[in-house]
PDB file of all heavy atoms in Angstrom:
ATOM      1  N   LEU A   1      76.748 200.367  82.299  1.00  0.00           N
ATOM      2  CA  LEU A   1      77.595 199.704  81.308  1.00  0.00           C
ATOM      3  C   LEU A   1      77.668 198.210  81.565  1.00  0.00           C
ATOM      4  O   LEU A   1      77.580 197.399  80.637  1.00  0.00           O
ATOM      5  CB  LEU A   1      78.999 200.315  81.341  1.00  0.00           C
ATOM      6  CG  LEU A   1      80.012 199.762  80.344  1.00  0.00           C
ATOM      7  CD1 LEU A   1      79.565 200.032  78.916  1.00  0.00           C
ATOM      8  CD2 LEU A   1      81.393 200.384  80.584  1.00  0.00           C
ATOM      9  N   ILE A   2      77.819 197.836  82.839  1.00  0.00           N
ATOM     10  CA  ILE A   2      77.878 196.415  83.193  1.00  0.00           C
ATOM     11  C   ILE A   2      76.569 195.722  82.815  1.00  0.00           C
ATOM     12  O   ILE A   2      76.569 194.624  82.248  1.00  0.00           O
ATOM     13  CB  ILE A   2      78.163 196.247  84.702  1.00  0.00           C
ATOM     14  CG1 ILE A   2      79.576 196.754  85.036  1.00  0.00           C
ATOM     15  CG2 ILE A   2      78.014 194.790  85.128  1.00  0.00           C
ATOM     16  CD1 ILE A   2      79.880 196.787  86.516  1.00  0.00           C
ATOM     17  N   ALA A   3      75.451 196.383  83.119  1.00  0.00           N
ATOM     18  CA  ALA A   3      74.146 195.793  82.823  1.00  0.00           C
ATOM     19  C   ALA A   3      73.937 195.616  81.319  1.00  0.00           C
ATOM     20  O   ALA A   3      73.485 194.564  80.846  1.00  0.00           O
ATOM     21  CB  ALA A   3      73.044 196.669  83.414  1.00  0.00           C
ATOM     22  N   ILE A   4      74.285 196.653  80.543  1.00  0.00           N
ATOM     23  CA  ILE A   4      74.106 196.591  79.084  1.00  0.00           C
ATOM     24  C   ILE A   4      75.000 195.514  78.484  1.00  0.00           C
ATOM     25  O   ILE A   4      74.584 194.728  77.630  1.00  0.00           O
ATOM     26  CB  ILE A   4      74.402 197.967  78.455  1.00  0.00           C
ATOM     27  CG1 ILE A   4      73.325 198.979  78.874  1.00  0.00           C
ATOM     28  CG2 ILE A   4      74.461 197.861  76.932  1.00  0.00           C
ATOM     29  CD1 ILE A   4      73.631 200.410  78.480  1.00  0.00           C
ATOM     30  N   TRP A   5      76.269 195.480  78.944  1.00  0.00           N
ATOM     31  CA  TRP A   5      77.206 194.482  78.404  1.00  0.00           C
ATOM     32  C   TRP A   5      76.723 193.077  78.751  1.00  0.00           C
ATOM     33  O   TRP A   5      76.868 192.141  77.957  1.00  0.00           O
ATOM     34  CB  TRP A   5      78.611 194.715  78.975  1.00  0.00           C
ATOM     35  CG  TRP A   5      79.714 194.304  78.045  1.00  0.00           C
ATOM     36  CD1 TRP A   5      79.894 193.079  77.480  1.00  0.00           C
ATOM     37  CD2 TRP A   5      80.789 195.111  77.552  1.00  0.00           C
ATOM     38  NE1 TRP A   5      81.022 193.059  76.687  1.00  0.00           N
ATOM     39  CE2 TRP A   5      81.591 194.298  76.712  1.00  0.00           C
ATOM     40  CE3 TRP A   5      81.177 196.432  77.759  1.00  0.00           C
ATOM     41  CZ2 TRP A   5      82.740 194.768  76.099  1.00  0.00           C
ATOM     42  CZ3 TRP A   5      82.314 196.895  77.138  1.00  0.00           C
ATOM     43  CH2 TRP A   5      83.086 196.079  76.306  1.00  0.00           C
ATOM     44  N   ALA A   6      76.139 192.917  79.949  1.00  0.00           N
ATOM     45  CA  ALA A   6      75.633 191.603  80.350  1.00  0.00           C
ATOM     46  C   ALA A   6      74.487 191.154  79.441  1.00  0.00           C
ATOM     47  O   ALA A   6      74.361 189.967  79.127  1.00  0.00           O
ATOM     48  CB  ALA A   6      75.173 191.649  81.802  1.00  0.00           C
ATOM     49  N   LEU A   7      73.662 192.103  79.010  1.00  0.00           N
ATOM     50  CA  LEU A   7      72.539 191.773  78.130  1.00  0.00           C
ATOM     51  C   LEU A   7      72.998 191.385  76.733  1.00  0.00           C
ATOM     52  O   LEU A   7      72.313 190.644  76.036  1.00  0.00           O
ATOM     53  CB  LEU A   7      71.581 192.970  78.041  1.00  0.00           C
ATOM     54  CG  LEU A   7      70.770 193.285  79.305  1.00  0.00           C
ATOM     55  CD1 LEU A   7      69.988 194.582  79.118  1.00  0.00           C
ATOM     56  CD2 LEU A   7      69.816 192.131  79.632  1.00  0.00           C
ATOM     57  N   PHE A   8      74.172 191.894  76.334  1.00  0.00           N
ATOM     58  CA  PHE A   8      74.630 191.671  74.958  1.00  0.00           C
ATOM     59  C   PHE A   8      75.889 190.807  74.888  1.00  0.00           C
ATOM     60  O   PHE A   8      76.775 191.039  74.076  1.00  0.00           O
ATOM     61  CB  PHE A   8      74.862 193.007  74.254  1.00  0.00           C
ATOM     62  CG  PHE A   8      73.595 193.762  73.985  1.00  0.00           C
ATOM     63  CD1 PHE A   8      73.125 194.700  74.894  1.00  0.00           C
ATOM     64  CD2 PHE A   8      72.851 193.519  72.838  1.00  0.00           C
ATOM     65  CE1 PHE A   8      71.945 195.397  74.652  1.00  0.00           C
ATOM     66  CE2 PHE A   8      71.675 194.203  72.597  1.00  0.00           C
ATOM     67  CZ  PHE A   8      71.205 195.145  73.506  1.00  0.00           C
ATOM     68  N   GLY A   9      75.980 189.845  75.802  1.00  0.00           N
ATOM     69  CA  GLY A   9      76.996 188.815  75.609  1.00  0.00           C
ATOM     70  C   GLY A   9      78.181 188.823  76.547  1.00  0.00           C
ATOM     71  O   GLY A   9      79.213 188.234  76.213  1.00  0.00           O
ATOM     72  N   LEU A  10      78.087 189.458  77.702  1.00  0.00           N
ATOM     73  CA  LEU A  10      79.189 189.405  78.662  1.00  0.00           C
ATOM     74  C   LEU A  10      79.321 187.978  79.188  1.00  0.00           C
ATOM     75  O   LEU A  10      78.345 187.403  79.686  1.00  0.00           O
ATOM     76  CB  LEU A  10      78.944 190.371  79.820  1.00  0.00           C
ATOM     77  CG  LEU A  10      80.054 190.444  80.880  1.00  0.00           C
ATOM     78  CD1 LEU A  10      81.318 191.057  80.285  1.00  0.00           C
ATOM     79  CD2 LEU A  10      79.595 191.264  82.087  1.00  0.00           C
ATOM     80  N   ARG A  11      80.506 187.408  79.093  1.00  0.00           N
ATOM     81  CA  ARG A  11      80.737 186.046  79.540  1.00  0.00           C
ATOM     82  C   ARG A  11      81.888 186.028  80.550  1.00  0.00           C
ATOM     83  O   ARG A  11      82.901 186.678  80.341  1.00  0.00           O
ATOM     84  CB  ARG A  11      81.077 185.131  78.358  1.00  0.00           C
ATOM     85  CG  ARG A  11      79.941 184.956  77.350  1.00  0.00           C
ATOM     86  CD  ARG A  11      78.789 184.144  77.953  1.00  0.00           C
ATOM     87  NE  ARG A  11      77.716 183.948  76.973  1.00  0.00           N
ATOM     88  CZ  ARG A  11      76.683 184.754  76.817  1.00  0.00           C
ATOM     89  NH1 ARG A  11      76.574 185.845  77.586  1.00  0.00           N
ATOM     90  NH2 ARG A  11      75.754 184.503  75.929  1.00  0.00           N
ATOM     91  N   ILE A  12      81.692 185.275  81.611  1.00  0.00           N
ATOM     92  CA  ILE A  12      82.723 185.148  82.640  1.00  0.00           C
ATOM     93  C   ILE A  12      83.531 183.884  82.364  1.00  0.00           C
ATOM     94  O   ILE A  12      82.974 182.780  82.308  1.00  0.00           O
ATOM     95  CB  ILE A  12      82.101 185.080  84.047  1.00  0.00           C
ATOM     96  CG1 ILE A  12      81.291 186.345  84.333  1.00  0.00           C
ATOM     97  CG2 ILE A  12      83.181 184.894  85.111  1.00  0.00           C
ATOM     98  CD1 ILE A  12      80.518 186.312  85.627  1.00  0.00           C
ATOM     99  N   SER A  13      84.825 184.044  82.194  1.00  0.00           N
ATOM    100  CA  SER A  13      85.690 182.906  81.921  1.00  0.00           C
ATOM    101  C   SER A  13      85.720 181.963  83.122  1.00  0.00           C
ATOM    102  O   SER A  13      85.635 182.391  84.275  1.00  0.00           O
ATOM    103  CB  SER A  13      87.117 183.397  81.623  1.00  0.00           C
ATOM    104  OG  SER A  13      88.038 182.322  81.624  1.00  0.00           O
ATOM    105  N   ARG A  14      85.844 180.681  82.823  1.00  0.00           N
ATOM    106  CA  ARG A  14      85.934 179.699  83.905  1.00  0.00           C
ATOM    107  C   ARG A  14      87.129 179.994  84.803  1.00  0.00           C
ATOM    108  O   ARG A  14      87.053 179.817  86.024  1.00  0.00           O
ATOM    109  CB  ARG A  14      86.060 178.293  83.314  1.00  0.00           C
ATOM    110  CG  ARG A  14      86.159 177.187  84.362  1.00  0.00           C
ATOM    111  CD  ARG A  14      86.399 175.837  83.727  1.00  0.00           C
ATOM    112  NE  ARG A  14      85.327 175.484  82.788  1.00  0.00           N
ATOM    113  CZ  ARG A  14      85.325 174.374  82.056  1.00  0.00           C
ATOM    114  NH1 ARG A  14      86.345 173.521  82.135  1.00  0.00           N
ATOM    115  NH2 ARG A  14      84.320 174.115  81.236  1.00  0.00           N
ATOM    116  N   ALA A  15      88.204 180.475  84.211  1.00  0.00           N
ATOM    117  CA  ALA A  15      89.407 180.760  84.995  1.00  0.00           C
ATOM    118  C   ALA A  15      89.206 181.929  85.942  1.00  0.00           C
ATOM    119  O   ALA A  15      89.904 182.049  86.956  1.00  0.00           O
ATOM    120  CB  ALA A  15      90.580 181.052  84.055  1.00  0.00           C
ATOM    121  N   ALA A  16      88.260 182.836  85.632  1.00  0.00           N
ATOM    122  CA  ALA A  16      88.006 183.998  86.482  1.00  0.00           C
ATOM    123  C   ALA A  16      86.870 183.769  87.468  1.00  0.00           C
ATOM    124  O   ALA A  16      86.530 184.675  88.247  1.00  0.00           O
ATOM    125  CB  ALA A  16      87.696 185.218  85.614  1.00  0.00           C
ATOM    126  N   THR A  17      86.290 182.565  87.472  1.00  0.00           N
ATOM    127  CA  THR A  17      85.188 182.267  88.384  1.00  0.00           C
ATOM    128  C   THR A  17      85.561 182.451  89.850  1.00  0.00           C
ATOM    129  O   THR A  17      84.744 182.950  90.637  1.00  0.00           O
ATOM    130  CB  THR A  17      84.666 180.839  88.146  1.00  0.00           C
ATOM    131  OG1 THR A  17      84.255 180.710  86.783  1.00  0.00           O
ATOM    132  CG2 THR A  17      83.491 180.524  89.049  1.00  0.00           C
ATOM    133  N   PRO A  18      86.786 182.069  90.278  1.00  0.00           N
ATOM    134  CA  PRO A  18      87.136 182.283  91.691  1.00  0.00           C
ATOM    135  C   PRO A  18      87.036 183.751  92.119  1.00  0.00           C
ATOM    136  O   PRO A  18      86.673 184.030  93.263  1.00  0.00           O
ATOM    137  CB  PRO A  18      88.598 181.795  91.764  1.00  0.00           C
ATOM    138  CG  PRO A  18      88.707 180.795  90.676  1.00  0.00           C
ATOM    139  CD  PRO A  18      87.833 181.306  89.573  1.00  0.00           C
ATOM    140  N   LEU A  19      87.336 184.671  91.201  1.00  0.00           N
ATOM    141  CA  LEU A  19      87.209 186.100  91.518  1.00  0.00           C
ATOM    142  C   LEU A  19      85.767 186.426  91.879  1.00  0.00           C
ATOM    143  O   LEU A  19      85.508 187.092  92.900  1.00  0.00           O
ATOM    144  CB  LEU A  19      87.658 186.932  90.312  1.00  0.00           C
ATOM    145  CG  LEU A  19      87.457 188.446  90.423  1.00  0.00           C
ATOM    146  CD1 LEU A  19      88.374 189.027  91.484  1.00  0.00           C
ATOM    147  CD2 LEU A  19      87.719 189.112  89.071  1.00  0.00           C
ATOM    148  N   LEU A  20      84.819 185.969  91.068  1.00  0.00           N
ATOM    149  CA  LEU A  20      83.402 186.232  91.324  1.00  0.00           C
ATOM    150  C   LEU A  20      82.940 185.566  92.617  1.00  0.00           C
ATOM    151  O   LEU A  20      82.304 186.207  93.464  1.00  0.00           O
ATOM    152  CB  LEU A  20      82.568 185.724  90.142  1.00  0.00           C
ATOM    153  CG  LEU A  20      81.045 185.778  90.313  1.00  0.00           C
ATOM    154  CD1 LEU A  20      80.571 187.216  90.474  1.00  0.00           C
ATOM    155  CD2 LEU A  20      80.349 185.103  89.135  1.00  0.00           C
ATOM    156  N   VAL A  21      83.274 184.303  92.785  1.00  0.00           N
ATOM    157  CA  VAL A  21      82.794 183.548  93.946  1.00  0.00           C
ATOM    158  C   VAL A  21      83.322 184.143  95.244  1.00  0.00           C
ATOM    159  O   VAL A  21      82.562 184.341  96.208  1.00  0.00           O
ATOM    160  CB  VAL A  21      83.207 182.065  93.829  1.00  0.00           C
ATOM    161  CG1 VAL A  21      82.903 181.313  95.120  1.00  0.00           C
ATOM    162  CG2 VAL A  21      82.500 181.410  92.650  1.00  0.00           C
ATOM    163  N   LEU A  22      84.602 184.461  95.296  1.00  0.00           N
ATOM    164  CA  LEU A  22      85.201 184.960  96.541  1.00  0.00           C
ATOM    165  C   LEU A  22      84.719 186.372  96.868  1.00  0.00           C
ATOM    166  O   LEU A  22      84.508 186.698  98.045  1.00  0.00           O
ATOM    167  CB  LEU A  22      86.723 184.913  96.447  1.00  0.00           C
ATOM    168  CG  LEU A  22      87.317 183.500  96.442  1.00  0.00           C
ATOM    169  CD1 LEU A  22      88.809 183.526  96.128  1.00  0.00           C
ATOM    170  CD2 LEU A  22      87.065 182.806  97.779  1.00  0.00           C
ATOM    171  N   LEU A  23      84.538 187.221  95.854  1.00  0.00           N
ATOM    172  CA  LEU A  23      84.041 188.570  96.121  1.00  0.00           C
ATOM    173  C   LEU A  23      82.582 188.545  96.589  1.00  0.00           C
ATOM    174  O   LEU A  23      82.198 189.283  97.502  1.00  0.00           O
ATOM    175  CB  LEU A  23      84.170 189.438  94.867  1.00  0.00           C
ATOM    176  CG  LEU A  23      85.579 189.940  94.548  1.00  0.00           C
ATOM    177  CD1 LEU A  23      85.602 190.651  93.195  1.00  0.00           C
ATOM    178  CD2 LEU A  23      86.086 190.883  95.636  1.00  0.00           C
ATOM    179  N   VAL A  24      81.766 187.683  95.973  1.00  0.00           N
ATOM    180  CA  VAL A  24      80.374 187.578  96.404  1.00  0.00           C
ATOM    181  C   VAL A  24      80.297 186.998  97.815  1.00  0.00           C
ATOM    182  O   VAL A  24      79.517 187.475  98.656  1.00  0.00           O
ATOM    183  CB  VAL A  24      79.569 186.712  95.412  1.00  0.00           C
ATOM    184  CG1 VAL A  24      78.190 186.375  95.975  1.00  0.00           C
ATOM    185  CG2 VAL A  24      79.422 187.441  94.081  1.00  0.00           C
ATOM    186  N   THR A  25      81.123 185.986  98.102  1.00  0.00           N
ATOM    187  CA  THR A  25      81.148 185.400  99.448  1.00  0.00           C
ATOM    188  C   THR A  25      81.562 186.439 100.480  1.00  0.00           C
ATOM    189  O   THR A  25      81.001 186.488 101.581  1.00  0.00           O
ATOM    190  CB  THR A  25      82.110 184.203  99.479  1.00  0.00           C
ATOM    191  OG1 THR A  25      81.749 183.258  98.474  1.00  0.00           O
ATOM    192  CG2 THR A  25      82.068 183.518 100.842  1.00  0.00           C
ATOM    193  N   MET A  26      82.539 187.262 100.132  1.00  0.00           N
ATOM    194  CA  MET A  26      82.962 188.333 101.038  1.00  0.00           C
ATOM    195  C   MET A  26      81.794 189.255 101.358  1.00  0.00           C
ATOM    196  O   MET A  26      81.576 189.640 102.515  1.00  0.00           O
ATOM    197  CB  MET A  26      84.103 189.128 100.399  1.00  0.00           C
ATOM    198  CG  MET A  26      84.680 190.231 101.266  1.00  0.00           C
ATOM    199  SD  MET A  26      85.829 191.289 100.340  1.00  0.00           S
ATOM    200  CE  MET A  26      84.669 192.492  99.651  1.00  0.00           C
ATOM    201  N   ASN A  27      81.011 189.602 100.351  1.00  0.00           N
ATOM    202  CA  ASN A  27      79.880 190.497 100.559  1.00  0.00           C
ATOM    203  C   ASN A  27      78.741 189.816 101.307  1.00  0.00           C
ATOM    204  O   ASN A  27      77.994 190.482 102.041  1.00  0.00           O
ATOM    205  CB  ASN A  27      79.400 191.050  99.223  1.00  0.00           C
ATOM    206  CG  ASN A  27      80.251 192.204  98.730  1.00  0.00           C
ATOM    207  OD1 ASN A  27      80.060 193.337  99.152  1.00  0.00           O
ATOM    208  ND2 ASN A  27      81.211 191.918  97.862  1.00  0.00           N
ATOM    209  N   ILE A  28      78.598 188.522 101.142  1.00  0.00           N
ATOM    210  CA  ILE A  28      77.622 187.788 101.960  1.00  0.00           C
ATOM    211  C   ILE A  28      78.019 187.885 103.426  1.00  0.00           C
ATOM    212  O   ILE A  28      77.162 188.046 104.310  1.00  0.00           O
ATOM    213  CB  ILE A  28      77.536 186.314 101.499  1.00  0.00           C
ATOM    214  CG1 ILE A  28      76.887 186.242 100.123  1.00  0.00           C
ATOM    215  CG2 ILE A  28      76.759 185.480 102.510  1.00  0.00           C
ATOM    216  CD1 ILE A  28      76.878 184.843  99.520  1.00  0.00           C
TER     217      ILE A  28
END
């Protein structure tokens, strides 16, 4: 579902960018 939604217009809000950055950094 995530992959399909990403192909058809999933957009990450600028305000939610810290969520993505911090979770990815944690996994790094």
